[in-house]
Amino acid sequence: MEVYIVGICIAVCGNFLISISLNIQKYTHVRQSQRGTRPYYTSRLWWCGILLMGVGELGNFAAYGFAPASLIAPLGCVSVIASAVISVVFLKETLRASDILGGALALTGTYCLVTFAPHSSPHVTANMVERSLVSWQFLIYFMFEAILFAVLMYLYKCRNIKHIIIMMLMVALVASLTVISVKAVSGMITETVHGSHLQLTYPIFYIMFIIMVVSCAFQIKFLNQAMKMFDATEIVPINYVFFTASAVVAGILFYEEFYGLSLIYIIMFIVGCLLAFTGVFLIARARPSIKMDRVFISMGQIPGKSCTDKVQPQSDDSKYGTLTSKFTCNSGIQQDEA
């Protein structure tokens, strides 16, 4: 079996587990609120959801060690599709025509991505990461990112412009660093496990690990702020598009994943991205609300804002919302404005 296929399978399974995890947690919040008993975090079912989330996140982390970032990142649409299916099957939510069309487009786009994306990338070693960090293309890209992030932060903090594009762009800029660092750490661990070279003795491994942790923390912070101000139906598609674009650009510039790829493959990869983007927009668009009593019939996500007013925990709670951007938003859960 090709190595990249292992990465694809791990990423798909990881995204599916995360989708189930988010629905389990949401069901627990609703059930505990209806019963008016103990806090949600005292429930065994809630901790089962947390455990599934951890396993799913670990799977996505490992997937970057087996396949290019530009191939793994777009597979985040799997969690969007899975959430829609769970909502229809377990919550008996009405299956809309846009759900069917969006699912078909997302699946078609995913097939194009898997088929035409680069299937191999250079072995990620400490020396390779060090060379890439000082390469001229990455330095130019990083300077552009830093300037753009400073401008967006000025508009957000100083000018008090709370636009969803500004928020999602900040998340995406930080996400590009997350993708670079995650693939670096995962790749060096993979090389070490294979026994070819011991990568954990190089200082660059721990530098990239710190960058990964810090960038994830800031990414979650900005994303939670956005979830307070905007509906998940707006955040889900925009975040997916921006995250995927930032991951692909990071893979191209830092890991040279598109080097040697033919023009027709590049065009079909772009077409696959556009199809997946459109599918996610259609699935996430205007999710209908459901009645609270249905929650006790089936388990799943609660897309309606009116249903989550007294159920959803605060988005800045350390026990909830601890996913990276593409997985937090894919839950389809709406939060009220702070």
C-alpha atoms as a PDB file:
ATOM      1  CA  MET A   1       0.000   0.000   0.000  1.00  0.00           C
ATOM      2  CA  GLU A   2       1.237   3.486  -0.882  1.00  0.00           C
ATOM      3  CA  VAL A   3       2.246   5.582   2.112  1.00  0.00           C
ATOM      4  CA  TYR A   4      -0.044   8.489   1.177  1.00  0.00           C
ATOM      5  CA  ILE A   5      -3.072   6.145   1.239  1.00  0.00           C
ATOM      6  CA  VAL A   6      -2.279   5.407   4.883  1.00  0.00           C
ATOM      7  CA  GLY A   7      -2.308   9.162   5.562  1.00  0.00           C
ATOM      8  CA  ILE A   8      -5.643   9.575   3.768  1.00  0.00           C
ATOM      9  CA  CYS A   9      -7.272   6.738   5.715  1.00  0.00           C
ATOM     10  CA  ILE A  10      -5.990   8.072   9.026  1.00  0.00           C
ATOM     11  CA  ALA A  11      -7.213  11.611   8.227  1.00  0.00           C
ATOM     12  CA  VAL A  12     -10.677  10.427   7.149  1.00  0.00           C
ATOM     13  CA  CYS A  13     -11.080   8.264  10.251  1.00  0.00           C
ATOM     14  CA  GLY A  14      -9.803  11.084  12.462  1.00  0.00           C
ATOM     15  CA  ASN A  15     -12.267  13.603  11.031  1.00  0.00           C
ATOM     16  CA  PHE A  16     -15.118  11.123  11.379  1.00  0.00           C
ATOM     17  CA  LEU A  17     -14.277  10.445  15.027  1.00  0.00           C
ATOM     18  CA  ILE A  18     -14.120  14.165  15.754  1.00  0.00           C
ATOM     19  CA  SER A  19     -17.552  14.661  14.195  1.00  0.00           C
ATOM     20  CA  ILE A  20     -18.990  11.898  16.403  1.00  0.00           C
ATOM     21  CA  SER A  21     -17.200  13.373  19.420  1.00  0.00           C
ATOM     22  CA  LEU A  22     -18.705  16.819  18.934  1.00  0.00           C
ATOM     23  CA  ASN A  23     -22.187  15.358  18.589  1.00  0.00           C
ATOM     24  CA  ILE A  24     -21.745  13.282  21.753  1.00  0.00           C
ATOM     25  CA  GLN A  25     -20.614  16.356  23.683  1.00  0.00           C
ATOM     26  CA  LYS A  26     -23.537  18.391  22.387  1.00  0.00           C
ATOM     27  CA  TYR A  27     -25.987  15.666  23.324  1.00  0.00           C
ATOM     28  CA  THR A  28     -24.507  15.581  26.828  1.00  0.00           C
ATOM     29  CA  HIS A  29     -24.910  19.357  27.222  1.00  0.00           C
ATOM     30  CA  VAL A  30     -28.559  19.143  26.186  1.00  0.00           C
ATOM     31  CA  ARG A  31     -29.318  16.133  28.393  1.00  0.00           C
ATOM     32  CA  GLN A  32     -27.686  17.599  31.497  1.00  0.00           C
ATOM     33  CA  SER A  33     -29.467  20.908  30.966  1.00  0.00           C
ATOM     34  CA  GLN A  34     -32.864  19.225  30.557  1.00  0.00           C
ATOM     35  CA  ARG A  35     -32.402  17.130  33.684  1.00  0.00           C
ATOM     36  CA  GLY A  36     -30.984  20.054  35.661  1.00  0.00           C
ATOM     37  CA  THR A  37     -28.600  17.776  37.501  1.00  0.00           C
ATOM     38  CA  ARG A  38     -24.818  17.707  37.559  1.00  0.00           C
ATOM     39  CA  PRO A  39     -22.567  19.798  35.267  1.00  0.00           C
ATOM     40  CA  TYR A  40     -21.925  18.360  31.819  1.00  0.00           C
ATOM     41  CA  TYR A  41     -18.241  17.634  32.569  1.00  0.00           C
ATOM     42  CA  THR A  42     -19.205  15.162  35.295  1.00  0.00           C
ATOM     43  CA  SER A  43     -20.890  12.909  32.742  1.00  0.00           C
ATOM     44  CA  ARG A  44     -19.085   9.777  31.597  1.00  0.00           C
ATOM     45  CA  LEU A  45     -20.610  10.189  28.162  1.00  0.00           C
ATOM     46  CA  TRP A  46     -19.066  13.656  27.845  1.00  0.00           C
ATOM     47  CA  TRP A  47     -15.632  12.269  28.696  1.00  0.00           C
ATOM     48  CA  CYS A  48     -16.159   9.529  26.111  1.00  0.00           C
ATOM     49  CA  GLY A  49     -16.669  12.311  23.596  1.00  0.00           C
ATOM     50  CA  ILE A  50     -13.480  14.007  24.779  1.00  0.00           C
ATOM     51  CA  LEU A  51     -11.608  10.712  24.415  1.00  0.00           C
ATOM     52  CA  LEU A  52     -12.898  10.278  20.856  1.00  0.00           C
ATOM     53  CA  MET A  53     -11.872  13.850  20.099  1.00  0.00           C
ATOM     54  CA  GLY A  54      -8.354  13.160  21.351  1.00  0.00           C
ATOM     55  CA  VAL A  55      -8.080  10.017  19.244  1.00  0.00           C
ATOM     56  CA  GLY A  56      -9.365  11.880  16.180  1.00  0.00           C
ATOM     57  CA  GLU A  57      -6.958  14.772  16.671  1.00  0.00           C
ATOM     58  CA  LEU A  58      -4.090  12.336  17.155  1.00  0.00           C
ATOM     59  CA  GLY A  59      -5.077  10.662  13.899  1.00  0.00           C
ATOM     60  CA  ASN A  60      -5.033  13.945  12.012  1.00  0.00           C
ATOM     61  CA  PHE A  61      -1.653  14.765  13.538  1.00  0.00           C
ATOM     62  CA  ALA A  62      -0.262  11.402  12.442  1.00  0.00           C
ATOM     63  CA  ALA A  63      -1.710  11.770   8.930  1.00  0.00           C
ATOM     64  CA  TYR A  64       0.609  14.695   8.207  1.00  0.00           C
ATOM     65  CA  GLY A  65       3.547  12.335   8.687  1.00  0.00           C
ATOM     66  CA  PHE A  66       2.358  10.061   5.862  1.00  0.00           C
ATOM     67  CA  ALA A  67       0.973  12.427   3.223  1.00  0.00           C
ATOM     68  CA  PRO A  68       1.457  16.006   1.953  1.00  0.00           C
ATOM     69  CA  ALA A  69      -0.273  18.815   3.862  1.00  0.00           C
ATOM     70  CA  SER A  70      -2.043  19.923   0.659  1.00  0.00           C
ATOM     71  CA  LEU A  71      -3.673  16.483   0.527  1.00  0.00           C
ATOM     72  CA  ILE A  72      -4.604  16.099   4.209  1.00  0.00           C
ATOM     73  CA  ALA A  73      -5.998  19.585   4.919  1.00  0.00           C
ATOM     74  CA  PRO A  74      -8.884  19.536   2.367  1.00  0.00           C
ATOM     75  CA  LEU A  75     -10.120  16.243   3.842  1.00  0.00           C
ATOM     76  CA  GLY A  76     -11.605  18.309   6.669  1.00  0.00           C
ATOM     77  CA  CYS A  77     -14.818  18.356   4.634  1.00  0.00           C
ATOM     78  CA  VAL A  78     -15.336  14.764   5.805  1.00  0.00           C
ATOM     79  CA  SER A  79     -16.350  16.028   9.245  1.00  0.00           C
ATOM     80  CA  VAL A  80     -18.851  18.462   7.685  1.00  0.00           C
ATOM     81  CA  ILE A  81     -20.450  15.672   5.662  1.00  0.00           C
ATOM     82  CA  ALA A  82     -20.444  13.324   8.666  1.00  0.00           C
ATOM     83  CA  SER A  83     -22.127  15.934  10.879  1.00  0.00           C
ATOM     84  CA  ALA A  84     -24.872  16.432   8.283  1.00  0.00           C
ATOM     85  CA  VAL A  85     -25.443  12.664   8.036  1.00  0.00           C
ATOM     86  CA  ILE A  86     -25.573  12.264  11.834  1.00  0.00           C
ATOM     87  CA  SER A  87     -28.031  15.154  12.038  1.00  0.00           C
ATOM     88  CA  VAL A  88     -30.364  13.520   9.527  1.00  0.00           C
ATOM     89  CA  VAL A  89     -30.047   9.924  10.744  1.00  0.00           C
ATOM     90  CA  PHE A  90     -30.091  10.412  14.528  1.00  0.00           C
ATOM     91  CA  LEU A  91     -31.984  13.688  14.944  1.00  0.00           C
ATOM     92  CA  LYS A  92     -34.452  12.941  12.142  1.00  0.00           C
ATOM     93  CA  GLU A  93     -33.696  16.344  10.662  1.00  0.00           C
ATOM     94  CA  THR A  94     -35.251  17.006   7.270  1.00  0.00           C
ATOM     95  CA  LEU A  95     -32.948  16.061   4.414  1.00  0.00           C
ATOM     96  CA  ARG A  96     -32.738  19.111   2.170  1.00  0.00           C
ATOM     97  CA  ALA A  97     -31.946  19.181  -1.527  1.00  0.00           C
ATOM     98  CA  SER A  98     -28.958  21.412  -0.758  1.00  0.00           C
ATOM     99  CA  ASP A  99     -27.646  18.713   1.603  1.00  0.00           C
ATOM    100  CA  ILE A 100     -27.753  16.096  -1.134  1.00  0.00           C
ATOM    101  CA  LEU A 101     -26.206  18.428  -3.717  1.00  0.00           C
ATOM    102  CA  GLY A 102     -23.601  19.694  -1.271  1.00  0.00           C
ATOM    103  CA  GLY A 103     -22.664  16.183  -0.197  1.00  0.00           C
ATOM    104  CA  ALA A 104     -22.336  15.064  -3.811  1.00  0.00           C
ATOM    105  CA  LEU A 105     -20.146  18.053  -4.686  1.00  0.00           C
ATOM    106  CA  ALA A 106     -18.005  17.612  -1.570  1.00  0.00           C
ATOM    107  CA  LEU A 107     -17.489  13.914  -2.280  1.00  0.00           C
ATOM    108  CA  THR A 108     -16.666  14.618  -5.932  1.00  0.00           C
ATOM    109  CA  GLY A 109     -14.237  17.326  -4.885  1.00  0.00           C
ATOM    110  CA  THR A 110     -12.648  15.003  -2.337  1.00  0.00           C
ATOM    111  CA  TYR A 111     -12.180  12.358  -5.030  1.00  0.00           C
ATOM    112  CA  CYS A 112     -10.477  14.910  -7.296  1.00  0.00           C
ATOM    113  CA  LEU A 113      -8.265  16.074  -4.436  1.00  0.00           C
ATOM    114  CA  VAL A 114      -7.191  12.551  -3.536  1.00  0.00           C
ATOM    115  CA  THR A 115      -6.598  11.654  -7.187  1.00  0.00           C
ATOM    116  CA  PHE A 116      -4.762  14.754  -8.412  1.00  0.00           C
ATOM    117  CA  ALA A 117      -3.068  16.104  -5.268  1.00  0.00           C
ATOM    118  CA  PRO A 118       0.660  15.443  -4.847  1.00  0.00           C
ATOM    119  CA  HIS A 119       1.033  11.979  -3.371  1.00  0.00           C
ATOM    120  CA  SER A 120       4.545  12.370  -2.084  1.00  0.00           C
ATOM    121  CA  SER A 121       6.658  15.025  -0.436  1.00  0.00           C
ATOM    122  CA  PRO A 122      10.295  15.184   0.640  1.00  0.00           C
ATOM    123  CA  HIS A 123      11.191  13.278   3.780  1.00  0.00           C
ATOM    124  CA  VAL A 124      10.787  15.688   6.657  1.00  0.00           C
ATOM    125  CA  THR A 125      14.084  15.763   8.522  1.00  0.00           C
ATOM    126  CA  ALA A 126      15.606  18.322  10.852  1.00  0.00           C
ATOM    127  CA  ASN A 127      18.067  19.454   8.175  1.00  0.00           C
ATOM    128  CA  MET A 128      15.266  19.816   5.622  1.00  0.00           C
ATOM    129  CA  VAL A 129      13.172  21.938   8.034  1.00  0.00           C
ATOM    130  CA  GLU A 130      16.157  24.171   8.825  1.00  0.00           C
ATOM    131  CA  ARG A 131      16.830  24.757   5.117  1.00  0.00           C
ATOM    132  CA  SER A 132      13.186  25.544   4.425  1.00  0.00           C
ATOM    133  CA  LEU A 133      12.997  28.049   7.281  1.00  0.00           C
ATOM    134  CA  VAL A 134      15.733  30.188   5.712  1.00  0.00           C
ATOM    135  CA  SER A 135      14.671  29.732   2.089  1.00  0.00           C
ATOM    136  CA  TRP A 136      13.868  32.973   0.255  1.00  0.00           C
ATOM    137  CA  GLN A 137      10.327  31.938  -0.759  1.00  0.00           C
ATOM    138  CA  PHE A 138       9.350  31.130   2.824  1.00  0.00           C
ATOM    139  CA  LEU A 139      10.949  34.306   4.215  1.00  0.00           C
ATOM    140  CA  ILE A 140       8.999  36.431   1.719  1.00  0.00           C
ATOM    141  CA  TYR A 141       5.815  34.516   2.531  1.00  0.00           C
ATOM    142  CA  PHE A 142       6.371  34.885   6.282  1.00  0.00           C
ATOM    143  CA  MET A 143       7.036  38.639   5.992  1.00  0.00           C
ATOM    144  CA  PHE A 144       3.850  39.048   3.934  1.00  0.00           C
ATOM    145  CA  GLU A 145       1.893  37.069   6.525  1.00  0.00           C
ATOM    146  CA  ALA A 146       3.318  39.107   9.417  1.00  0.00           C
ATOM    147  CA  ILE A 147       2.468  42.431   7.753  1.00  0.00           C
ATOM    148  CA  LEU A 148      -1.036  41.295   6.823  1.00  0.00           C
ATOM    149  CA  PHE A 149      -1.651  39.924  10.325  1.00  0.00           C
ATOM    150  CA  ALA A 150      -0.503  43.230  11.870  1.00  0.00           C
ATOM    151  CA  VAL A 151      -2.878  45.172   9.603  1.00  0.00           C
ATOM    152  CA  LEU A 152      -5.788  42.869  10.452  1.00  0.00           C
ATOM    153  CA  MET A 153      -5.021  43.070  14.164  1.00  0.00           C
ATOM    154  CA  TYR A 154      -4.967  46.869  13.935  1.00  0.00           C
ATOM    155  CA  LEU A 155      -8.362  46.885  12.228  1.00  0.00           C
ATOM    156  CA  TYR A 156      -9.773  44.432  14.762  1.00  0.00           C
ATOM    157  CA  LYS A 157      -8.339  45.891  17.980  1.00  0.00           C
ATOM    158  CA  CYS A 158      -7.780  49.585  17.282  1.00  0.00           C
ATOM    159  CA  ARG A 159     -10.466  50.375  14.709  1.00  0.00           C
ATOM    160  CA  ASN A 160     -12.937  47.924  16.282  1.00  0.00           C
ATOM    161  CA  ILE A 161     -13.904  46.410  12.924  1.00  0.00           C
ATOM    162  CA  LYS A 162     -15.569  43.079  13.749  1.00  0.00           C
ATOM    163  CA  HIS A 163     -15.993  41.622  10.272  1.00  0.00           C
ATOM    164  CA  ILE A 164     -16.093  37.865   9.788  1.00  0.00           C
ATOM    165  CA  ILE A 165     -13.529  37.988   6.946  1.00  0.00           C
ATOM    166  CA  ILE A 166     -11.051  39.786   9.193  1.00  0.00           C
ATOM    167  CA  MET A 167     -11.525  37.192  11.945  1.00  0.00           C
ATOM    168  CA  MET A 168     -11.252  34.219   9.612  1.00  0.00           C
ATOM    169  CA  LEU A 169      -8.205  35.645   7.853  1.00  0.00           C
ATOM    170  CA  MET A 170      -6.410  35.948  11.191  1.00  0.00           C
ATOM    171  CA  VAL A 171      -7.317  32.345  11.973  1.00  0.00           C
ATOM    172  CA  ALA A 172      -6.056  31.220   8.551  1.00  0.00           C
ATOM    173  CA  LEU A 173      -2.752  33.106   8.849  1.00  0.00           C
ATOM    174  CA  VAL A 174      -2.041  31.459  12.188  1.00  0.00           C
ATOM    175  CA  ALA A 175      -3.268  28.130  10.779  1.00  0.00           C
ATOM    176  CA  SER A 176      -0.585  28.189   8.084  1.00  0.00           C
ATOM    177  CA  LEU A 177       2.070  28.185  10.811  1.00  0.00           C
ATOM    178  CA  THR A 178       0.181  25.398  12.559  1.00  0.00           C
ATOM    179  CA  VAL A 179       0.189  23.256   9.428  1.00  0.00           C
ATOM    180  CA  ILE A 180       3.909  23.834   8.819  1.00  0.00           C
ATOM    181  CA  SER A 181       4.843  23.019  12.403  1.00  0.00           C
ATOM    182  CA  VAL A 182       2.477  20.036  12.707  1.00  0.00           C
ATOM    183  CA  LYS A 183       3.851  18.431   9.557  1.00  0.00           C
ATOM    184  CA  ALA A 184       7.423  19.150  10.688  1.00  0.00           C
ATOM    185  CA  VAL A 185       6.903  17.568  14.120  1.00  0.00           C
ATOM    186  CA  SER A 186       4.874  14.651  12.767  1.00  0.00           C
ATOM    187  CA  GLY A 187       7.325  14.053   9.924  1.00  0.00           C
ATOM    188  CA  MET A 188      10.372  14.053  12.192  1.00  0.00           C
ATOM    189  CA  ILE A 189       8.649  11.651  14.598  1.00  0.00           C
ATOM    190  CA  THR A 190       7.789   9.386  11.650  1.00  0.00           C
ATOM    191  CA  GLU A 191      11.406   9.419  10.462  1.00  0.00           C
ATOM    192  CA  THR A 192      12.568   8.564  13.975  1.00  0.00           C
ATOM    193  CA  VAL A 193      10.092   5.688  14.321  1.00  0.00           C
ATOM    194  CA  HIS A 194      11.172   4.278  10.963  1.00  0.00           C
ATOM    195  CA  GLY A 195      14.681   4.222  12.362  1.00  0.00           C
ATOM    196  CA  SER A 196      16.355   5.990   9.446  1.00  0.00           C
ATOM    197  CA  HIS A 197      17.512   9.003  11.454  1.00  0.00           C
ATOM    198  CA  LEU A 198      17.063  10.076  15.062  1.00  0.00           C
ATOM    199  CA  GLN A 199      15.397  13.472  14.665  1.00  0.00           C
ATOM    200  CA  LEU A 200      14.424  14.180  18.273  1.00  0.00           C
ATOM    201  CA  THR A 201      17.955  15.203  19.227  1.00  0.00           C
ATOM    202  CA  TYR A 202      17.874  18.292  16.988  1.00  0.00           C
ATOM    203  CA  PRO A 203      16.854  21.621  18.578  1.00  0.00           C
ATOM    204  CA  ILE A 204      14.681  22.443  15.547  1.00  0.00           C
ATOM    205  CA  PHE A 205      12.271  19.653  16.568  1.00  0.00           C
ATOM    206  CA  TYR A 206      11.495  21.342  19.878  1.00  0.00           C
ATOM    207  CA  ILE A 207      11.335  24.781  18.251  1.00  0.00           C
ATOM    208  CA  MET A 208       8.702  23.525  15.803  1.00  0.00           C
ATOM    209  CA  PHE A 209       6.875  21.803  18.665  1.00  0.00           C
ATOM    210  CA  ILE A 210       6.655  25.095  20.574  1.00  0.00           C
ATOM    211  CA  ILE A 211       5.465  26.897  17.421  1.00  0.00           C
ATOM    212  CA  MET A 212       2.812  24.209  16.972  1.00  0.00           C
ATOM    213  CA  VAL A 213       1.471  24.580  20.521  1.00  0.00           C
ATOM    214  CA  VAL A 214       1.510  28.395  20.513  1.00  0.00           C
ATOM    215  CA  SER A 215      -0.078  28.706  17.050  1.00  0.00           C
ATOM    216  CA  CYS A 216      -2.810  26.213  18.010  1.00  0.00           C
ATOM    217  CA  ALA A 217      -3.571  28.221  21.151  1.00  0.00           C
ATOM    218  CA  PHE A 218      -3.900  31.509  19.267  1.00  0.00           C
ATOM    219  CA  GLN A 219      -5.895  29.832  16.526  1.00  0.00           C
ATOM    220  CA  ILE A 220      -8.398  28.526  19.080  1.00  0.00           C
ATOM    221  CA  LYS A 221      -8.556  31.938  20.755  1.00  0.00           C
ATOM    222  CA  PHE A 222      -9.406  33.817  17.552  1.00  0.00           C
ATOM    223  CA  LEU A 223     -11.828  31.121  16.459  1.00  0.00           C
ATOM    224  CA  ASN A 224     -13.724  31.186  19.740  1.00  0.00           C
ATOM    225  CA  GLN A 225     -13.978  34.984  19.487  1.00  0.00           C
ATOM    226  CA  ALA A 226     -15.468  34.573  16.031  1.00  0.00           C
ATOM    227  CA  MET A 227     -17.923  31.938  17.299  1.00  0.00           C
ATOM    228  CA  LYS A 228     -19.212  34.467  19.839  1.00  0.00           C
ATOM    229  CA  MET A 229     -19.980  37.066  17.174  1.00  0.00           C
ATOM    230  CA  PHE A 230     -21.123  35.030  14.175  1.00  0.00           C
ATOM    231  CA  ASP A 231     -23.261  31.980  13.450  1.00  0.00           C
ATOM    232  CA  ALA A 232     -21.590  28.662  12.760  1.00  0.00           C
ATOM    233  CA  THR A 233     -23.376  28.536   9.384  1.00  0.00           C
ATOM    234  CA  GLU A 234     -21.206  31.485   8.364  1.00  0.00           C
ATOM    235  CA  ILE A 235     -18.008  30.337  10.038  1.00  0.00           C
ATOM    236  CA  VAL A 236     -18.010  26.706   8.839  1.00  0.00           C
ATOM    237  CA  PRO A 237     -17.594  27.306   5.083  1.00  0.00           C
ATOM    238  CA  ILE A 238     -15.419  30.422   5.342  1.00  0.00           C
ATOM    239  CA  ASN A 239     -13.069  28.809   7.820  1.00  0.00           C
ATOM    240  CA  TYR A 240     -12.826  25.632   5.737  1.00  0.00           C
ATOM    241  CA  VAL A 241     -11.949  27.606   2.597  1.00  0.00           C
ATOM    242  CA  PHE A 242      -9.389  29.827   4.318  1.00  0.00           C
ATOM    243  CA  PHE A 243      -7.800  26.992   6.283  1.00  0.00           C
ATOM    244  CA  THR A 244      -7.477  24.766   3.220  1.00  0.00           C
ATOM    245  CA  ALA A 245      -6.017  27.602   1.142  1.00  0.00           C
ATOM    246  CA  SER A 246      -3.471  28.467   3.843  1.00  0.00           C
ATOM    247  CA  ALA A 247      -2.481  24.797   4.244  1.00  0.00           C
ATOM    248  CA  VAL A 248      -2.022  24.333   0.499  1.00  0.00           C
ATOM    249  CA  VAL A 249       0.075  27.503   0.172  1.00  0.00           C
ATOM    250  CA  ALA A 250       2.180  26.454   3.166  1.00  0.00           C
ATOM    251  CA  GLY A 251       2.731  23.027   1.633  1.00  0.00           C
ATOM    252  CA  ILE A 252       3.754  24.540  -1.702  1.00  0.00           C
ATOM    253  CA  LEU A 253       6.166  27.140  -0.336  1.00  0.00           C
ATOM    254  CA  PHE A 254       7.660  25.323   2.657  1.00  0.00           C
ATOM    255  CA  TYR A 255       7.627  21.676   1.580  1.00  0.00           C
ATOM    256  CA  GLU A 256       7.613  22.188  -2.226  1.00  0.00           C
ATOM    257  CA  GLU A 257       4.809  19.633  -2.538  1.00  0.00           C
ATOM    258  CA  PHE A 258       3.764  20.703  -6.031  1.00  0.00           C
ATOM    259  CA  TYR A 259       7.283  20.456  -7.432  1.00  0.00           C
ATOM    260  CA  GLY A 260       7.209  18.385 -10.618  1.00  0.00           C
ATOM    261  CA  LEU A 261       3.402  18.165 -10.717  1.00  0.00           C
ATOM    262  CA  SER A 262       1.965  18.508 -14.224  1.00  0.00           C
ATOM    263  CA  LEU A 263      -0.282  21.433 -15.169  1.00  0.00           C
ATOM    264  CA  ILE A 264      -3.364  19.250 -15.707  1.00  0.00           C
ATOM    265  CA  TYR A 265      -2.971  17.787 -12.218  1.00  0.00           C
ATOM    266  CA  ILE A 266      -2.693  21.258 -10.717  1.00  0.00           C
ATOM    267  CA  ILE A 267      -5.839  22.389 -12.580  1.00  0.00           C
ATOM    268  CA  MET A 268      -7.807  19.328 -11.482  1.00  0.00           C
ATOM    269  CA  PHE A 269      -6.621  19.826  -7.900  1.00  0.00           C
ATOM    270  CA  ILE A 270      -7.949  23.401  -7.977  1.00  0.00           C
ATOM    271  CA  VAL A 271     -11.240  22.139  -9.455  1.00  0.00           C
ATOM    272  CA  GLY A 272     -11.473  19.591  -6.631  1.00  0.00           C
ATOM    273  CA  CYS A 273     -10.931  22.338  -4.052  1.00  0.00           C
ATOM    274  CA  LEU A 274     -13.645  24.489  -5.613  1.00  0.00           C
ATOM    275  CA  LEU A 275     -16.099  21.572  -5.642  1.00  0.00           C
ATOM    276  CA  ALA A 276     -15.363  20.766  -1.998  1.00  0.00           C
ATOM    277  CA  PHE A 277     -15.699  24.442  -1.034  1.00  0.00           C
ATOM    278  CA  THR A 278     -19.068  24.696  -2.783  1.00  0.00           C
ATOM    279  CA  GLY A 279     -20.297  21.480  -1.173  1.00  0.00           C
ATOM    280  CA  VAL A 280     -19.380  22.680   2.314  1.00  0.00           C
ATOM    281  CA  PHE A 281     -21.155  26.011   1.693  1.00  0.00           C
ATOM    282  CA  LEU A 282     -24.329  24.201   0.636  1.00  0.00           C
ATOM    283  CA  ILE A 283     -24.287  21.778   3.582  1.00  0.00           C
ATOM    284  CA  ALA A 284     -23.604  24.446   6.203  1.00  0.00           C
ATOM    285  CA  ARG A 285     -26.000  27.017   4.749  1.00  0.00           C
ATOM    286  CA  ALA A 286     -29.026  27.829   6.928  1.00  0.00           C
ATOM    287  CA  ARG A 287     -29.208  24.637   8.922  1.00  0.00           C
ATOM    288  CA  PRO A 288     -32.780  24.355  10.280  1.00  0.00           C
ATOM    289  CA  SER A 289     -33.534  24.286  14.010  1.00  0.00           C
ATOM    290  CA  ILE A 290     -35.014  21.226  15.665  1.00  0.00           C
ATOM    291  CA  LYS A 291     -37.228  20.589  18.655  1.00  0.00           C
ATOM    292  CA  MET A 292     -35.584  19.923  21.991  1.00  0.00           C
ATOM    293  CA  ASP A 293     -37.650  16.833  22.734  1.00  0.00           C
ATOM    294  CA  ARG A 294     -36.113  15.058  19.762  1.00  0.00           C
ATOM    295  CA  VAL A 295     -32.756  15.058  21.491  1.00  0.00           C
ATOM    296  CA  PHE A 296     -33.908  12.258  23.773  1.00  0.00           C
ATOM    297  CA  ILE A 297     -34.947  10.164  20.794  1.00  0.00           C
ATOM    298  CA  SER A 298     -31.632  10.404  19.000  1.00  0.00           C
ATOM    299  CA  MET A 299     -28.156  11.741  19.566  1.00  0.00           C
ATOM    300  CA  GLY A 300     -26.539  14.382  17.390  1.00  0.00           C
ATOM    301  CA  GLN A 301     -25.731  18.038  16.853  1.00  0.00           C
ATOM    302  CA  ILE A 302     -28.089  20.939  17.544  1.00  0.00           C
ATOM    303  CA  PRO A 303     -27.713  23.388  14.669  1.00  0.00           C
ATOM    304  CA  GLY A 304     -30.452  25.802  15.772  1.00  0.00           C
ATOM    305  CA  LYS A 305     -29.318  28.890  17.679  1.00  0.00           C
ATOM    306  CA  SER A 306     -32.527  29.042  19.682  1.00  0.00           C
ATOM    307  CA  CYS A 307     -31.894  25.518  20.947  1.00  0.00           C
ATOM    308  CA  THR A 308     -28.492  26.270  22.393  1.00  0.00           C
ATOM    309  CA  ASP A 309     -29.121  29.405  24.414  1.00  0.00           C
ATOM    310  CA  LYS A 310     -29.011  27.688  27.819  1.00  0.00           C
ATOM    311  CA  VAL A 311     -27.197  24.542  26.851  1.00  0.00           C
ATOM    312  CA  GLN A 312     -23.947  25.523  25.182  1.00  0.00           C
ATOM    313  CA  PRO A 313     -21.047  26.162  27.579  1.00  0.00           C
ATOM    314  CA  GLN A 314     -19.062  29.347  27.196  1.00  0.00           C
ATOM    315  CA  SER A 315     -16.826  29.228  24.163  1.00  0.00           C
ATOM    316  CA  ASP A 316     -13.815  30.310  26.193  1.00  0.00           C
ATOM    317  CA  ASP A 317     -14.274  27.404  28.603  1.00  0.00           C
ATOM    318  CA  SER A 318     -11.099  25.351  28.689  1.00  0.00           C
ATOM    319  CA  LYS A 319     -13.178  22.170  28.657  1.00  0.00           C
ATOM    320  CA  TYR A 320     -14.894  22.904  25.360  1.00  0.00           C
ATOM    321  CA  GLY A 321     -13.891  24.188  21.968  1.00  0.00           C
ATOM    322  CA  THR A 322     -10.355  22.824  22.238  1.00  0.00           C
ATOM    323  CA  LEU A 323     -10.109  21.819  18.598  1.00  0.00           C
ATOM    324  CA  THR A 324      -8.073  23.475  15.946  1.00  0.00           C
ATOM    325  CA  SER A 325      -9.969  25.678  13.578  1.00  0.00           C
ATOM    326  CA  LYS A 326     -11.062  23.297  10.865  1.00  0.00           C
ATOM    327  CA  PHE A 327     -12.557  20.836  13.419  1.00  0.00           C
ATOM    328  CA  THR A 328     -14.145  23.275  15.863  1.00  0.00           C
ATOM    329  CA  CYS A 329     -16.155  24.953  13.147  1.00  0.00           C
ATOM    330  CA  ASN A 330     -17.127  21.738  11.427  1.00  0.00           C
ATOM    331  CA  SER A 331     -19.348  20.812  14.350  1.00  0.00           C
ATOM    332  CA  GLY A 332     -21.993  23.169  13.030  1.00  0.00           C
ATOM    333  CA  ILE A 333     -22.877  24.390  16.519  1.00  0.00           C
ATOM    334  CA  GLN A 334     -24.017  27.962  16.843  1.00  0.00           C
ATOM    335  CA  GLN A 335     -23.143  30.189  19.780  1.00  0.00           C
ATOM    336  CA  ASP A 336     -24.702  33.420  20.983  1.00  0.00           C
ATOM    337  CA  GLU A 337     -22.922  36.720  20.913  1.00  0.00           C
ATOM    338  CA  ALA A 338     -21.104  37.494  24.103  1.00  0.00           C
END
